[in-house]
Amino acid sequence: MSKIALVTGASSGIGRNAALSLCKAGWPVIGTGRRQDALDETAAQAEGGEMVGIAADVTDETSIDSLFAEIGKRFTRLDFVFNNAGNNVPATNFGDLTLEQWNTVIGVNLTGAFLVANRAFRMMRDQKPAGGRIVNNGSISAYVPRPGSAPYTSSKHAITGLTRSISLDGRPLGIACGQIDIGNAASDMTARMSGGVPQADGTMKSEPTMDVQNVGNAVAHMASLPADANILFLNVMANEMPFVGRG
């Protein structure tokens, strides 16, 4: 029986690379995101395992329920989830943040991550044989925030709590949960950093990035672990980025 993987945010960037890395490792992959055409573009690049794109909105409970119903219908089980979909708003001083900006980020990065993990957990719990693995996409911003990043930082800090809770509740059910914290992987999001990123000392500086393939490789490795092993937290970052040390 083939093991089945789900990747959210598979339309581009980290999610696309992770989906393709899992395919290369032999996994049949379900990629989801809001745009079917972009998912089809990802699927067309797959080598090794097959990728199927199914459009869904992680902030919409009905959409996510439909996604998991389709997964159950087509594949009957789910063994691995890379809970990756996320977004952000421009850097904004905390005093100037609006509720709309806050909700935009929290809705995808936290509520969306909850919905996907919750439905995956249920499916892994109820399938025969039971069990599986969920990997949440966190961020080094959870513990070292950038200036003006309260919504994003708060959402990723909360993901760490979600990861620990799922890991604990999943133990008796054979469901492992881990988290990957990524720093400056080259993607559409980091492309905007080329003109400089706000630093703690008030300056704007460009920062080194790393090939996003390093993230895909790490996700595929986490997916490959046997049921009795888990990487609870994994930090993958551009080696020369200003993270370790004083800002």
Protein backbone atom coordinates (compact mmCIF):
# COMPACT_ATOMS: atom_id res chain seq x y z
CA MET A 1 0.00 0.00 0.00
CA SER A 2 1.43 3.37 -1.04
CA LYS A 3 1.82 6.01 1.62
CA ILE A 4 0.02 9.24 0.73
CA ALA A 5 1.26 12.78 1.44
CA LEU A 6 -0.58 16.12 1.50
CA VAL A 7 1.17 19.48 1.04
CA THR A 8 -0.69 22.74 1.57
CA GLY A 9 0.46 25.88 -0.20
CA ALA A 10 1.82 23.67 -2.99
CA SER A 11 1.23 26.30 -5.67
CA SER A 12 4.62 27.98 -5.28
CA GLY A 13 7.73 28.53 -3.19
CA ILE A 14 8.43 26.26 -0.24
CA GLY A 15 5.24 24.26 -0.70
CA ARG A 16 5.91 23.57 -4.36
CA ASN A 17 9.48 22.50 -3.65
CA ALA A 18 8.40 20.27 -0.77
CA ALA A 19 5.74 18.60 -2.90
CA LEU A 20 8.23 17.93 -5.68
CA SER A 21 10.84 16.66 -3.20
CA LEU A 22 8.32 14.21 -1.75
CA CYS A 23 7.41 13.04 -5.26
CA LYS A 24 11.10 12.54 -6.04
CA ALA A 25 11.34 10.40 -2.90
CA GLY A 26 8.53 8.22 -4.29
CA TRP A 27 5.52 9.59 -2.45
CA PRO A 28 2.17 10.03 -4.17
CA VAL A 29 1.38 13.64 -3.26
CA ILE A 30 -1.81 15.65 -2.99
CA GLY A 31 -0.98 19.31 -3.42
CA THR A 32 -3.47 21.95 -2.40
CA GLY A 33 -3.75 25.70 -2.68
CA ARG A 34 -6.30 28.23 -3.85
CA ARG A 35 -5.34 28.21 -7.56
CA GLN A 36 -5.88 25.05 -9.56
CA ASP A 37 -3.79 26.31 -12.48
CA ALA A 38 -0.76 26.86 -10.23
CA LEU A 39 -1.22 23.41 -8.68
CA ASP A 40 -1.31 21.92 -12.17
CA GLU A 41 1.98 23.69 -12.91
CA THR A 42 3.52 22.06 -9.84
CA ALA A 43 2.13 18.63 -10.77
CA ALA A 44 3.59 18.93 -14.28
CA GLN A 45 7.09 19.15 -12.75
CA ALA A 46 6.73 16.04 -10.57
CA GLU A 47 9.18 13.18 -11.01
CA GLY A 48 9.10 9.88 -9.17
CA GLY A 49 5.76 9.86 -7.39
CA GLU A 50 2.61 11.30 -8.91
CA MET A 51 1.15 14.61 -7.72
CA VAL A 52 -2.55 15.43 -7.85
CA GLY A 53 -3.63 19.05 -7.35
CA ILE A 54 -6.90 19.71 -5.52
CA ALA A 55 -7.78 23.37 -4.97
CA ALA A 56 -8.89 24.38 -1.46
CA ASP A 57 -8.85 27.40 0.84
CA VAL A 58 -7.33 26.62 4.25
CA THR A 59 -9.33 29.42 5.89
CA ASP A 60 -12.66 27.90 4.81
CA GLU A 61 -13.89 24.97 6.90
CA THR A 62 -16.27 23.77 4.19
CA SER A 63 -13.48 23.84 1.62
CA ILE A 64 -11.15 21.85 3.87
CA ASP A 65 -13.86 19.31 4.67
CA SER A 66 -14.43 18.86 0.93
CA LEU A 67 -10.67 18.41 0.42
CA PHE A 68 -10.45 15.65 3.01
CA ALA A 69 -13.58 13.98 1.70
CA GLU A 70 -11.94 13.88 -1.73
CA ILE A 71 -8.71 12.49 -0.24
CA GLY A 72 -10.69 9.76 1.49
CA LYS A 73 -12.58 8.95 -1.70
CA ARG A 74 -9.52 8.83 -3.98
CA PHE A 75 -6.84 7.46 -1.69
CA THR A 76 -8.67 6.02 1.40
CA ARG A 77 -5.86 7.12 3.74
CA LEU A 78 -3.31 9.84 4.56
CA ASP A 79 0.15 9.24 5.99
CA PHE A 80 2.00 12.55 5.91
CA VAL A 81 1.02 16.22 5.93
CA PHE A 82 3.26 19.22 5.38
CA ASN A 83 1.08 21.95 6.88
CA ASN A 84 2.74 24.76 5.00
CA ALA A 85 0.24 27.36 3.71
CA GLY A 86 0.93 30.82 5.07
CA ASN A 87 0.92 34.53 4.33
CA ASN A 88 2.03 37.87 5.73
CA VAL A 89 1.36 41.60 5.54
CA PRO A 90 3.95 44.38 5.06
CA ALA A 91 6.05 45.26 8.11
CA THR A 92 3.93 47.54 10.28
CA ASN A 93 4.69 49.04 13.68
CA PHE A 94 2.47 47.44 16.30
CA GLY A 95 0.69 50.70 17.09
CA ASP A 96 -0.37 51.09 13.47
CA LEU A 97 -1.66 47.54 12.92
CA THR A 98 -5.30 47.11 11.92
CA LEU A 99 -7.59 44.26 12.90
CA GLU A 100 -7.92 43.42 9.21
CA GLN A 101 -4.15 42.95 8.90
CA TRP A 102 -4.10 40.82 12.05
CA ASN A 103 -6.97 38.62 10.88
CA THR A 104 -5.45 38.23 7.41
CA VAL A 105 -2.34 36.60 8.86
CA ILE A 106 -3.90 34.69 11.76
CA GLY A 107 -6.66 33.34 9.50
CA VAL A 108 -4.21 31.53 7.23
CA ASN A 109 -1.15 30.90 9.41
CA LEU A 110 -2.96 29.70 12.54
CA THR A 111 -6.64 28.96 11.90
CA GLY A 112 -5.84 27.45 8.51
CA ALA A 113 -3.07 25.34 10.02
CA PHE A 114 -5.48 24.19 12.74
CA LEU A 115 -8.16 23.16 10.24
CA VAL A 116 -5.76 21.13 8.11
CA ALA A 117 -4.04 19.47 11.08
CA ASN A 118 -7.35 18.77 12.81
CA ARG A 119 -8.88 17.03 9.80
CA ALA A 120 -5.65 15.17 9.09
CA PHE A 121 -5.48 14.03 12.72
CA ARG A 122 -9.04 12.68 12.53
CA MET A 123 -8.31 10.82 9.31
CA MET A 124 -5.07 9.33 10.65
CA ARG A 125 -6.82 8.33 13.87
CA ASP A 126 -9.72 6.59 12.14
CA GLN A 127 -7.97 4.88 9.20
CA LYS A 128 -6.79 1.27 9.24
CA PRO A 129 -4.00 0.92 10.10
CA ALA A 130 -4.07 4.08 12.17
CA GLY A 131 -1.23 6.58 12.38
CA GLY A 132 0.65 9.16 10.37
CA ARG A 133 2.80 12.26 10.64
CA ILE A 134 2.05 15.99 10.53
CA VAL A 135 4.80 18.57 10.02
CA ASN A 136 3.88 22.19 10.65
CA ASN A 137 5.73 25.03 8.98
CA GLY A 138 6.82 27.32 11.79
CA SER A 139 9.46 30.02 11.54
CA ILE A 140 12.54 31.29 13.33
CA SER A 141 10.41 34.44 13.69
CA ALA A 142 8.58 32.63 16.47
CA TYR A 143 11.51 33.28 18.81
CA VAL A 144 13.49 36.02 17.04
CA PRO A 145 10.96 38.40 15.45
CA ARG A 146 11.66 41.12 12.94
CA PRO A 147 10.51 44.69 13.70
CA GLY A 148 6.90 45.31 12.70
CA SER A 149 5.94 41.64 12.49
CA ALA A 150 3.47 41.11 15.35
CA PRO A 151 0.80 39.17 13.41
CA TYR A 152 3.29 36.85 11.70
CA THR A 153 5.41 36.31 14.80
CA SER A 154 2.34 35.65 16.96
CA SER A 155 0.96 33.15 14.46
CA LYS A 156 4.21 31.22 14.28
CA HIS A 157 4.69 31.30 18.05
CA ALA A 158 1.22 29.75 18.30
CA ILE A 159 2.18 27.07 15.76
CA THR A 160 4.84 25.89 18.20
CA GLY A 161 2.14 25.36 20.84
CA LEU A 162 -0.03 23.60 18.29
CA THR A 163 2.85 21.30 17.34
CA ARG A 164 3.54 20.31 20.93
CA SER A 165 -0.16 19.70 21.64
CA ILE A 166 -0.69 17.56 18.53
CA SER A 167 2.46 15.60 19.31
CA LEU A 168 1.22 14.84 22.82
CA ASP A 169 -2.37 13.99 21.85
CA GLY A 170 -1.17 11.86 18.93
CA ARG A 171 1.16 9.61 20.92
CA PRO A 172 -1.36 6.90 21.84
CA LEU A 173 -2.71 6.93 18.28
CA GLY A 174 0.54 6.54 16.38
CA ILE A 175 0.36 10.11 15.06
CA ALA A 176 3.66 12.00 15.18
CA CYS A 177 3.89 15.78 14.86
CA GLY A 178 6.94 17.92 14.22
CA GLN A 179 7.81 21.42 13.09
CA ILE A 180 10.26 22.90 10.63
CA ASP A 181 11.47 26.45 11.30
CA ILE A 182 12.84 28.04 8.15
CA GLY A 183 15.11 31.03 7.81
CA ASN A 184 15.52 32.89 4.51
CA ALA A 185 14.82 30.17 1.96
CA ALA A 186 14.86 31.76 -1.49
CA SER A 187 11.24 32.08 -2.62
CA ASP A 188 8.74 34.67 -3.83
CA MET A 189 8.48 35.91 -0.25
CA THR A 190 12.23 36.42 0.22
CA ALA A 191 12.55 38.01 -3.24
CA ARG A 192 10.96 41.07 -1.70
CA MET A 193 13.86 41.19 0.76
CA SER A 194 16.40 42.09 -1.95
CA GLY A 195 15.89 45.79 -1.26
CA GLY A 196 16.55 45.33 2.44
CA VAL A 197 14.87 43.97 5.54
CA PRO A 198 14.17 45.93 8.75
CA GLN A 199 16.78 45.20 11.43
CA ALA A 200 16.52 45.55 15.20
CA ASP A 201 18.82 48.60 15.14
CA GLY A 202 16.44 50.44 12.82
CA THR A 203 18.47 49.96 9.65
CA MET A 204 17.48 48.24 6.41
CA LYS A 205 19.87 45.54 5.19
CA SER A 206 19.76 42.82 2.58
CA GLU A 207 20.18 39.32 4.00
CA PRO A 208 21.67 36.09 2.63
CA THR A 209 19.27 33.40 1.47
CA MET A 210 19.60 29.67 0.84
CA ASP A 211 18.31 27.42 -1.94
CA VAL A 212 14.73 26.38 -1.18
CA GLN A 213 15.72 22.82 -2.13
CA ASN A 214 17.28 22.54 1.33
CA VAL A 215 13.79 22.87 2.78
CA GLY A 216 12.34 20.29 0.41
CA ASN A 217 15.09 17.84 1.32
CA ALA A 218 14.45 18.40 5.04
CA VAL A 219 10.71 17.86 4.69
CA ALA A 220 11.28 14.66 2.71
CA HIS A 221 13.65 13.45 5.43
CA MET A 222 11.11 14.14 8.17
CA ALA A 223 8.52 12.24 6.14
CA SER A 224 10.84 9.26 5.76
CA LEU A 225 11.24 8.59 9.48
CA PRO A 226 9.87 5.34 10.92
CA ALA A 227 6.82 5.50 13.16
CA ASP A 228 8.91 5.18 16.33
CA ALA A 229 11.02 8.29 15.58
CA ASN A 230 10.19 11.97 15.34
CA ILE A 231 11.98 15.25 14.70
CA LEU A 232 9.99 17.52 16.99
CA PHE A 233 11.72 20.73 15.87
CA LEU A 234 14.09 21.28 12.96
CA ASN A 235 15.75 24.61 12.11
CA VAL A 236 16.90 25.09 8.50
CA MET A 237 18.35 28.50 7.72
CA ALA A 238 20.70 30.45 5.51
CA ASN A 239 24.02 30.01 7.29
CA GLU A 240 25.10 33.66 7.14
CA MET A 241 21.78 35.31 7.96
CA PRO A 242 21.71 37.53 11.08
CA PHE A 243 19.99 35.13 13.44
CA VAL A 244 22.57 33.81 15.91
CA GLY A 245 24.23 36.68 17.77
CA ARG A 246 23.28 40.27 18.55
CA GLY A 247 21.23 42.34 16.14
